[in-house]
Amino acid sequence: MKFDFKPIFKSIFIILLFIVAAVALFAVGLMIGYGVLGDGEAMQVFERETWEHILEFIR
């Protein structure tokens, strides 16, 4: 009897695709929120100094 790995690989692929899409949409959301709504430069949201400033503001 032979075990079929095809459904397992397909399920793993779908899960990984979902995770990649979620991370990409999160990054786009950060860019839109910081760049458009926050009147900053969109790529600055990925800089360490930006997050340090945000965390200092929260504390």
Protein backbone atom coordinates (compact mmCIF):
# COMPACT_ATOMS: atom_id res chain seq x y z
CA MET A 1 0.00 0.00 0.00
CA LYS A 2 1.39 3.35 -1.07
CA PHE A 3 0.79 6.57 0.87
CA ASP A 4 -0.11 9.62 -1.18
CA PHE A 5 1.75 12.77 -0.09
CA LYS A 6 0.10 15.01 -2.69
CA PRO A 7 -2.76 16.25 -0.46
CA ILE A 8 -0.31 16.96 2.38
CA PHE A 9 1.98 19.02 0.13
CA LYS A 10 -1.01 20.85 -1.29
CA SER A 11 -2.26 21.71 2.20
CA ILE A 12 1.18 22.92 3.32
CA PHE A 13 1.47 25.02 0.16
CA ILE A 14 -1.91 26.65 0.79
CA ILE A 15 -1.02 27.39 4.42
CA LEU A 16 2.33 28.93 3.42
CA LEU A 17 0.66 30.94 0.67
CA PHE A 18 -1.85 32.26 3.21
CA ILE A 19 0.93 33.26 5.62
CA VAL A 20 2.91 35.04 2.88
CA ALA A 21 -0.23 36.87 1.72
CA ALA A 22 -1.05 37.90 5.31
CA VAL A 23 2.46 39.29 5.88
CA ALA A 24 2.39 41.15 2.55
CA LEU A 25 -1.02 42.67 3.28
CA PHE A 26 0.14 43.66 6.78
CA ALA A 27 3.18 45.42 5.29
CA VAL A 28 1.01 47.24 2.73
CA GLY A 29 -1.38 48.26 5.50
CA LEU A 30 1.49 49.66 7.55
CA MET A 31 2.74 51.61 4.55
CA ILE A 32 -0.70 53.04 3.79
CA GLY A 33 -1.37 53.88 7.42
CA TYR A 34 1.98 55.57 7.98
CA GLY A 35 2.39 57.13 4.55
CA VAL A 36 -1.10 58.28 3.65
CA LEU A 37 -2.96 58.63 6.92
CA GLY A 38 0.04 59.62 9.00
CA ASP A 39 1.54 62.05 6.48
CA GLY A 40 4.95 60.37 6.65
CA GLU A 41 7.07 58.67 4.06
CA ALA A 42 5.69 55.19 3.45
CA MET A 43 9.04 53.36 3.57
CA GLN A 44 9.98 54.94 6.91
CA VAL A 45 7.59 52.56 8.62
CA PHE A 46 10.18 49.79 8.23
CA GLU A 47 12.98 51.72 9.93
CA ARG A 48 14.06 50.84 13.45
CA GLU A 49 14.02 54.46 14.63
CA THR A 50 10.35 54.77 13.75
CA TRP A 51 9.41 51.81 15.92
CA GLU A 52 11.63 52.99 18.77
CA HIS A 53 9.82 56.33 18.67
CA ILE A 54 6.42 54.61 18.65
CA LEU A 55 7.35 52.39 21.59
CA GLU A 56 8.72 55.38 23.55
CA PHE A 57 5.46 57.21 22.89
CA ILE A 58 3.43 54.25 24.21
CA ARG A 59 5.52 53.92 27.38
